[in-house]
Amino acid sequence: MALAEQELNEIEQVLTGPDAGSAAFGELRRRFPKLALTRCDASDVTEAPFRSYPAFDLHLLDASEHCAGVTDDPAKATGLILAKRS
């Protein structure tokens, strides 16, 4: 599933909203049920984030090949990694 610009804008709205810290993961799961979602601490991800927000770094996940990996290409994204910033 490629992420279109409209979907990236919707993700940004969730991650910059007033409840981003407590409700972002559940809200993204509700809005994007076909995307794989993972959450972790920002220190657990060594790759540069696709985008950064006040509470999270957003990484795009590409699991289309044999091994899953982080990508910076929304056309290859099959999921999201929400890395909680402290």
Protein backbone atom coordinates (compact mmCIF):
# COMPACT_ATOMS: atom_id res chain seq x y z
CA MET A 1 0.00 0.00 0.00
CA ALA A 2 1.55 3.27 -1.09
CA LEU A 3 0.88 6.36 0.98
CA ALA A 4 -0.65 9.24 -0.98
CA GLU A 5 -0.04 12.87 -0.05
CA GLN A 6 -3.58 13.09 1.36
CA GLU A 7 -2.88 10.17 3.70
CA LEU A 8 0.43 11.71 4.81
CA ASN A 9 -1.45 14.93 5.58
CA GLU A 10 -4.01 12.99 7.61
CA ILE A 11 -1.23 11.23 9.53
CA GLU A 12 0.35 14.61 10.23
CA GLN A 13 -2.95 15.97 11.57
CA VAL A 14 -3.18 13.06 14.01
CA LEU A 15 0.44 13.41 15.14
CA THR A 16 0.20 17.16 15.68
CA GLY A 17 -3.23 17.14 17.32
CA PRO A 18 -3.84 17.96 20.98
CA ASP A 19 -4.17 14.26 21.93
CA ALA A 20 -1.20 13.10 19.86
CA GLY A 21 0.70 11.63 22.78
CA SER A 22 -2.06 9.51 24.24
CA ALA A 23 -4.34 8.69 21.33
CA ALA A 24 -2.23 8.83 18.16
CA PHE A 25 -1.53 5.11 17.81
CA GLY A 26 -5.15 4.07 18.24
CA GLU A 27 -6.40 6.79 15.95
CA LEU A 28 -3.97 5.83 13.19
CA ARG A 29 -4.93 2.17 13.57
CA ARG A 30 -8.60 3.14 13.23
CA ARG A 31 -8.03 5.34 10.16
CA PHE A 32 -5.52 3.08 8.38
CA PRO A 33 -6.46 -0.53 9.16
CA LYS A 34 -4.44 -1.93 6.23
CA LEU A 35 -1.15 -0.39 7.39
CA ALA A 36 1.14 -2.24 9.77
CA LEU A 37 1.70 -0.04 12.82
CA THR A 38 4.52 -0.34 15.31
CA ARG A 39 5.34 1.89 18.24
CA CYS A 40 8.61 2.10 20.10
CA ASP A 41 10.94 4.54 21.80
CA ALA A 42 12.79 6.93 19.48
CA SER A 43 16.10 5.62 20.80
CA ASP A 44 15.23 2.16 19.39
CA VAL A 45 15.38 3.37 15.76
CA THR A 46 18.75 4.28 14.29
CA GLU A 47 17.50 5.45 10.87
CA ALA A 48 16.63 9.09 10.27
CA PRO A 49 12.88 9.72 10.58
CA PHE A 50 10.73 10.40 7.54
CA ARG A 51 9.19 13.27 9.53
CA SER A 52 9.42 14.51 13.12
CA TYR A 53 6.59 15.82 15.27
CA PRO A 54 6.54 17.09 18.86
CA ALA A 55 5.77 13.69 20.44
CA PHE A 56 6.88 11.24 17.72
CA ASP A 57 9.34 10.55 14.96
CA LEU A 58 7.56 8.96 12.02
CA HIS A 59 9.32 6.22 10.07
CA LEU A 60 7.89 4.48 7.02
CA LEU A 61 8.08 0.70 6.94
CA ASP A 62 8.56 -1.31 3.74
CA ALA A 63 7.71 -4.98 4.22
CA SER A 64 7.11 -5.76 0.56
CA GLU A 65 10.34 -7.73 0.18
CA HIS A 66 11.70 -10.71 2.12
CA CYS A 67 12.98 -8.51 4.97
CA ALA A 68 11.18 -5.49 6.36
CA GLY A 69 13.06 -2.21 6.56
CA VAL A 70 12.71 1.51 6.98
CA THR A 71 12.16 3.52 3.80
CA ASP A 72 11.86 7.21 2.99
CA ASP A 73 9.68 6.50 -0.05
CA PRO A 74 5.92 6.78 0.63
CA ALA A 75 5.27 4.76 -2.56
CA LYS A 76 6.95 1.75 -0.90
CA ALA A 77 5.40 2.16 2.56
CA THR A 78 3.41 -0.76 3.88
CA GLY A 79 3.40 0.45 7.46
CA LEU A 80 4.38 3.09 10.00
CA ILE A 81 6.72 3.13 12.95
CA LEU A 82 5.79 5.66 15.62
CA ALA A 83 8.90 6.33 17.65
CA LYS A 84 7.96 8.13 20.88
CA ARG A 85 10.20 11.07 21.65
CA SER A 86 11.02 11.96 25.24
